Amino acid sequence: MSETSGVHDGPNLDKEDAVLRVEGLRKTFGGLVATDDASFAVERGTITGLIGPNGAGKSTIFNLVSGFYEPDGGTVTVNGTDVTGAAPHEVAAEGLVRTFQTPRKLEGMTVREAMLVGPRNQPGESFVKLFTDPEGVRAAETANIEDAHAMLERFEIGHLATQPATDLSGGQMKLVELARAMLTEPDLLMLDEPVAGVNPTLANTLREHVRRLNEEEDVTLCIIEHDMEFIMNLADPIIVLDQGSVLVEGSPDAVRADDRVIDAYLGGGGA
């Protein structure tokens, strides 16, 4: 750690109870290096911010960690299990779930039906159990519907349950996606720009929901966000990416005042 700035030069990997550890993660697209031996750790119980100028590699790292891209090198560990190169559903089974910057609107589904995509290990997904244990399948489906309604109410959008998912605004869809992600009971929830394109009132609502999930439900969160006011008032620590690797890590105040971070943003075209 730099004695003068109060931030770590590069990532702080000295975390005893890390839900997520990323070491030497590398991804290239043709001649473009998207992530350059990136390493960082997310401590259990924190809200960790992941920021950086445009093109710093933030979304690529999220896609690599959550299984949507396969890395060219490095390792990803969730709750002590190596999930490097695993499929998204396999990563989710270990406790890591992510949302997307632009939620996908599920055609032909109501909000309630879209919510039911969330729960893992539904017995109705098994063709055999539909015939061998129909009562068990019905009971599980009833429980999932009840859980979906309860989760929508917790996020104050229960009134949208019967609305077509395609009729929702972008901000409402982000709330639905957050609620749906919570049905999987994640240990680590990764949010990709949760307030992008969201009006200030709904952004404040999302911030309070995130705080509640962390403080009351012990969910660890890692958040990419370009809205500096939102992330600096919510996350601690802040990890700063630049040119595909971690530049510094520290508290919001220390990161905000660090000359290297200011230079990276000015050189990278801003947030």
Protein backbone atom coordinates (compact mmCIF):
# COMPACT_ATOMS: atom_id res chain seq x y z
CA MET A 1 0.00 0.00 0.00
CA SER A 2 1.23 3.48 -0.78
CA GLU A 3 1.93 5.28 2.47
CA THR A 4 1.14 8.69 0.99
CA SER A 5 -2.07 7.96 -0.88
CA GLY A 6 -3.69 5.26 1.24
CA VAL A 7 -4.38 3.07 -1.78
CA HIS A 8 -2.87 -0.21 -2.88
CA ASP A 9 -0.67 -0.13 -5.93
CA GLY A 10 -2.54 -2.75 -7.94
CA PRO A 11 -5.04 -5.05 -6.24
CA ASN A 12 -5.24 -5.88 -2.56
CA LEU A 13 -5.11 -9.68 -2.61
CA ASP A 14 -4.52 -10.03 1.14
CA LYS A 15 -8.11 -10.96 2.01
CA GLU A 16 -8.75 -13.93 4.27
CA ASP A 17 -12.38 -14.58 3.30
CA ALA A 18 -12.66 -13.81 -0.39
CA VAL A 19 -15.82 -14.98 -2.14
CA LEU A 20 -14.13 -14.35 -5.49
CA ARG A 21 -10.46 -14.54 -6.44
CA VAL A 22 -9.28 -13.64 -9.92
CA GLU A 23 -5.61 -14.25 -10.72
CA GLY A 24 -3.77 -13.45 -13.93
CA LEU A 25 -6.93 -13.24 -16.01
CA ARG A 26 -6.20 -12.61 -19.67
CA LYS A 27 -8.41 -12.26 -22.73
CA THR A 28 -7.60 -11.10 -26.24
CA PHE A 29 -9.85 -10.48 -29.19
CA GLY A 30 -7.66 -10.73 -32.25
CA GLY A 31 -4.90 -8.23 -31.64
CA LEU A 32 -6.81 -6.39 -28.89
CA VAL A 33 -5.83 -7.17 -25.30
CA ALA A 34 -9.06 -6.77 -23.31
CA THR A 35 -7.74 -7.99 -19.96
CA ASP A 36 -4.03 -8.08 -19.22
CA ASP A 37 -3.22 -10.50 -16.38
CA ALA A 38 -5.89 -8.92 -14.19
CA SER A 39 -6.01 -9.99 -10.56
CA PHE A 40 -8.28 -8.96 -7.69
CA ALA A 41 -10.30 -10.38 -4.81
CA VAL A 42 -13.77 -9.60 -3.46
CA GLU A 43 -14.02 -9.89 0.32
CA ARG A 44 -17.13 -11.55 1.73
CA GLY A 45 -19.59 -9.05 3.16
CA THR A 46 -18.44 -6.07 1.11
CA ILE A 47 -19.92 -3.95 -1.63
CA THR A 48 -16.94 -3.74 -3.97
CA GLY A 49 -16.91 -1.20 -6.79
CA LEU A 50 -15.18 -1.92 -10.09
CA ILE A 51 -14.54 1.28 -12.04
CA GLY A 52 -12.35 2.51 -14.85
CA PRO A 53 -12.36 4.60 -18.02
CA ASN A 54 -14.04 3.41 -21.20
CA GLY A 55 -12.23 0.40 -22.62
CA ALA A 56 -10.59 -0.52 -19.30
CA GLY A 57 -11.90 -4.10 -19.50
CA LYS A 58 -14.65 -3.99 -16.87
CA SER A 59 -17.40 -5.76 -18.82
CA THR A 60 -14.93 -8.26 -20.24
CA ILE A 61 -13.87 -9.22 -16.73
CA PHE A 62 -17.50 -9.66 -15.68
CA ASN A 63 -18.10 -11.89 -18.69
CA LEU A 64 -14.98 -13.94 -17.96
CA VAL A 65 -15.74 -14.35 -14.26
CA SER A 66 -19.39 -15.32 -14.84
CA GLY A 67 -18.64 -17.85 -17.59
CA PHE A 68 -19.87 -15.95 -20.64
CA TYR A 69 -16.34 -15.69 -22.05
CA GLU A 70 -13.59 -18.29 -21.78
CA PRO A 71 -10.28 -16.82 -20.62
CA ASP A 72 -7.01 -17.21 -22.51
CA GLY A 73 -5.17 -17.44 -19.22
CA GLY A 74 -5.53 -17.08 -15.47
CA THR A 75 -7.92 -18.53 -12.89
CA VAL A 76 -11.29 -17.68 -11.37
CA THR A 77 -12.18 -19.09 -7.94
CA VAL A 78 -15.60 -18.78 -6.28
CA ASN A 79 -15.96 -19.88 -2.65
CA GLY A 80 -12.71 -21.81 -3.01
CA THR A 81 -13.82 -23.70 -6.13
CA ASP A 82 -11.97 -23.23 -9.41
CA VAL A 83 -14.59 -22.22 -12.00
CA THR A 84 -12.18 -21.10 -14.72
CA GLY A 85 -13.84 -21.64 -18.08
CA ALA A 86 -17.01 -23.10 -16.50
CA ALA A 87 -20.40 -22.45 -18.09
CA PRO A 88 -22.58 -19.67 -16.59
CA HIS A 89 -24.97 -22.11 -14.89
CA GLU A 90 -22.02 -23.94 -13.32
CA VAL A 91 -20.59 -20.68 -11.99
CA ALA A 92 -24.04 -19.77 -10.62
CA ALA A 93 -24.23 -23.14 -8.87
CA GLU A 94 -21.13 -22.14 -6.89
CA GLY A 95 -22.86 -18.96 -5.69
CA LEU A 96 -21.93 -16.24 -8.22
CA VAL A 97 -24.80 -14.60 -10.12
CA ARG A 98 -24.63 -11.52 -12.34
CA THR A 99 -26.97 -9.03 -13.94
CA PHE A 100 -26.52 -7.24 -17.26
CA GLN A 101 -26.23 -3.59 -18.19
CA THR A 102 -29.21 -3.99 -20.53
CA PRO A 103 -31.67 -6.57 -19.13
CA ARG A 104 -33.10 -8.92 -21.72
CA LYS A 105 -36.86 -8.60 -22.03
CA LEU A 106 -38.35 -12.08 -22.31
CA GLU A 107 -40.86 -12.09 -25.14
CA GLY A 108 -44.26 -13.59 -24.40
CA MET A 109 -43.74 -13.73 -20.63
CA THR A 110 -45.33 -11.89 -17.76
CA VAL A 111 -43.06 -10.52 -15.04
CA ARG A 112 -44.00 -13.46 -12.82
CA GLU A 113 -43.08 -15.95 -15.53
CA ALA A 114 -39.80 -14.14 -16.12
CA MET A 115 -39.05 -14.40 -12.40
CA LEU A 116 -39.50 -18.17 -12.53
CA VAL A 117 -36.48 -18.42 -14.82
CA GLY A 118 -34.38 -17.63 -11.75
CA PRO A 119 -34.63 -20.54 -9.27
CA ARG A 120 -32.03 -23.27 -9.68
CA ASN A 121 -32.65 -27.04 -9.73
CA GLN A 122 -36.37 -26.91 -10.46
CA PRO A 123 -37.76 -30.49 -10.55
CA GLY A 124 -40.08 -29.56 -13.42
CA GLU A 125 -36.99 -29.24 -15.61
CA SER A 126 -36.58 -33.01 -15.40
CA PHE A 127 -38.65 -34.90 -17.98
CA VAL A 128 -38.48 -38.02 -15.80
CA LYS A 129 -39.79 -36.31 -12.66
CA LEU A 130 -42.78 -34.97 -14.54
CA PHE A 131 -43.95 -38.59 -14.75
CA THR A 132 -42.41 -40.18 -11.64
CA ASP A 133 -43.16 -37.41 -9.13
CA PRO A 134 -45.88 -35.09 -10.47
CA GLU A 135 -47.02 -34.11 -6.98
CA GLY A 136 -43.48 -33.11 -6.05
CA VAL A 137 -43.17 -31.07 -9.24
CA ARG A 138 -46.46 -29.27 -8.56
CA ALA A 139 -45.48 -28.54 -4.96
CA ALA A 140 -42.12 -27.15 -6.06
CA GLU A 141 -43.74 -24.98 -8.73
CA THR A 142 -46.25 -23.62 -6.21
CA ALA A 143 -43.42 -22.80 -3.80
CA ASN A 144 -41.44 -21.09 -6.56
CA ILE A 145 -44.45 -18.95 -7.53
CA GLU A 146 -44.94 -17.94 -3.91
CA ASP A 147 -41.23 -17.11 -3.58
CA ALA A 148 -41.36 -15.08 -6.79
CA HIS A 149 -44.32 -13.04 -5.54
CA ALA A 150 -42.64 -12.49 -2.18
CA MET A 151 -39.43 -11.33 -3.86
CA LEU A 152 -41.31 -8.91 -6.12
CA GLU A 153 -42.99 -7.46 -3.04
CA ARG A 154 -39.63 -7.05 -1.31
CA PHE A 155 -38.46 -4.97 -4.26
CA GLU A 156 -41.76 -3.02 -4.22
CA ILE A 157 -42.81 -4.21 -7.68
CA GLY A 158 -45.40 -6.83 -6.76
CA HIS A 159 -48.01 -4.86 -8.71
CA LEU A 160 -46.12 -5.66 -11.92
CA ALA A 161 -46.42 -9.46 -11.57
CA THR A 162 -49.01 -9.94 -14.31
CA GLN A 163 -47.63 -7.27 -16.65
CA PRO A 164 -45.98 -8.42 -19.90
CA ALA A 165 -42.22 -8.24 -19.34
CA THR A 166 -41.86 -6.38 -22.64
CA ASP A 167 -44.05 -3.52 -21.34
CA LEU A 168 -41.69 -2.52 -18.53
CA SER A 169 -39.36 0.45 -18.58
CA GLY A 170 -35.62 -0.10 -18.47
CA GLY A 171 -35.51 0.83 -14.80
CA GLN A 172 -38.35 -1.52 -13.90
CA MET A 173 -36.60 -4.32 -15.79
CA LYS A 174 -33.48 -3.71 -13.71
CA LEU A 175 -35.52 -4.14 -10.55
CA VAL A 176 -37.05 -7.34 -11.92
CA GLU A 177 -33.62 -8.66 -12.88
CA LEU A 178 -32.28 -7.87 -9.42
CA ALA A 179 -35.26 -9.63 -7.81
CA ARG A 180 -34.86 -12.62 -10.13
CA ALA A 181 -31.16 -12.88 -9.32
CA MET A 182 -31.97 -12.98 -5.61
CA LEU A 183 -34.21 -16.02 -6.13
CA THR A 184 -31.01 -17.98 -6.79
CA GLU A 185 -29.79 -17.11 -3.27
CA PRO A 186 -26.34 -15.92 -4.41
CA ASP A 187 -23.28 -15.53 -2.22
CA LEU A 188 -21.90 -12.95 -4.64
CA LEU A 189 -24.11 -10.78 -6.82
CA MET A 190 -22.34 -8.94 -9.64
CA LEU A 191 -24.20 -5.94 -11.02
CA ASP A 192 -23.25 -4.49 -14.41
CA GLU A 193 -24.08 -0.76 -14.42
CA PRO A 194 -27.31 -1.05 -12.40
CA VAL A 195 -28.27 2.61 -12.81
CA ALA A 196 -27.30 3.15 -16.45
CA GLY A 197 -30.21 4.91 -18.15
CA VAL A 198 -32.21 5.02 -14.91
CA ASN A 199 -33.83 8.20 -13.62
CA PRO A 200 -32.46 9.66 -10.34
CA THR A 201 -35.43 8.58 -8.23
CA LEU A 202 -35.18 4.95 -9.31
CA ALA A 203 -31.38 5.11 -8.95
CA ASN A 204 -31.87 6.05 -5.28
CA THR A 205 -34.32 3.15 -4.90
CA LEU A 206 -31.81 0.73 -6.41
CA ARG A 207 -29.07 2.03 -4.08
CA GLU A 208 -31.23 1.40 -1.02
CA HIS A 209 -32.10 -2.10 -2.23
CA VAL A 210 -28.41 -2.87 -2.71
CA ARG A 211 -27.60 -1.60 0.78
CA ARG A 212 -30.40 -3.71 2.25
CA LEU A 213 -29.22 -6.84 0.46
CA ASN A 214 -25.74 -6.31 1.84
CA GLU A 215 -26.60 -5.24 5.38
CA GLU A 216 -29.70 -7.32 6.11
CA GLU A 217 -29.27 -10.37 3.90
CA ASP A 218 -25.47 -10.75 3.96
CA VAL A 219 -25.13 -10.66 0.18
CA THR A 220 -21.70 -9.70 -1.12
CA LEU A 221 -21.81 -7.44 -4.16
CA CYS A 222 -19.39 -6.42 -6.90
CA ILE A 223 -20.62 -3.53 -9.02
CA ILE A 224 -19.49 -1.97 -12.30
CA GLU A 225 -20.78 1.57 -12.52
CA HIS A 226 -19.96 4.74 -14.48
CA ASP A 227 -22.06 6.94 -12.20
CA MET A 228 -19.32 8.06 -9.80
CA GLU A 229 -21.66 9.62 -7.25
CA PHE A 230 -23.66 6.39 -7.06
CA ILE A 231 -20.71 4.03 -6.66
CA MET A 232 -18.54 6.23 -4.43
CA ASN A 233 -21.41 6.64 -1.95
CA LEU A 234 -22.16 2.94 -1.92
CA ALA A 235 -19.07 0.77 -2.39
CA ASP A 236 -15.96 0.22 -0.29
CA PRO A 237 -13.42 -0.80 -1.48
CA ILE A 238 -13.12 0.59 -5.00
CA ILE A 239 -11.02 -1.32 -7.55
CA VAL A 240 -9.82 0.78 -10.49
CA LEU A 241 -9.13 -0.89 -13.83
CA ASP A 242 -7.02 0.66 -16.58
CA GLN A 243 -5.93 -0.94 -19.85
CA GLY A 244 -7.11 -4.38 -18.80
CA SER A 245 -5.51 -4.67 -15.38
CA VAL A 246 -5.95 -3.31 -11.86
CA LEU A 247 -4.36 0.08 -11.37
CA VAL A 248 -5.14 0.70 -7.69
CA GLU A 249 -7.55 -0.35 -4.95
CA GLY A 250 -8.65 1.56 -1.89
CA SER A 251 -11.38 3.47 -0.12
CA PRO A 252 -13.59 5.79 -2.18
CA ASP A 253 -11.95 8.94 -0.77
CA ALA A 254 -8.42 7.67 -1.36
CA VAL A 255 -9.18 6.46 -4.88
CA ARG A 256 -10.94 9.70 -5.81
CA ALA A 257 -7.88 11.73 -4.80
CA ASP A 258 -5.25 9.52 -6.43
CA ASP A 259 -3.42 11.22 -9.30
CA ARG A 260 -3.04 7.96 -11.22
CA VAL A 261 -6.80 7.45 -11.24
CA ILE A 262 -7.38 11.02 -12.39
CA ASP A 263 -4.82 10.57 -15.18
CA ALA A 264 -6.38 7.24 -16.26
CA TYR A 265 -9.82 8.81 -16.58
CA LEU A 266 -8.56 11.87 -18.39
CA GLY A 267 -6.54 9.73 -20.77
CA GLY A 268 -9.33 7.20 -21.23
CA GLY A 269 -11.98 9.68 -22.28
CA GLY A 270 -13.79 9.96 -18.93
CA ALA A 271 -16.35 7.79 -17.16
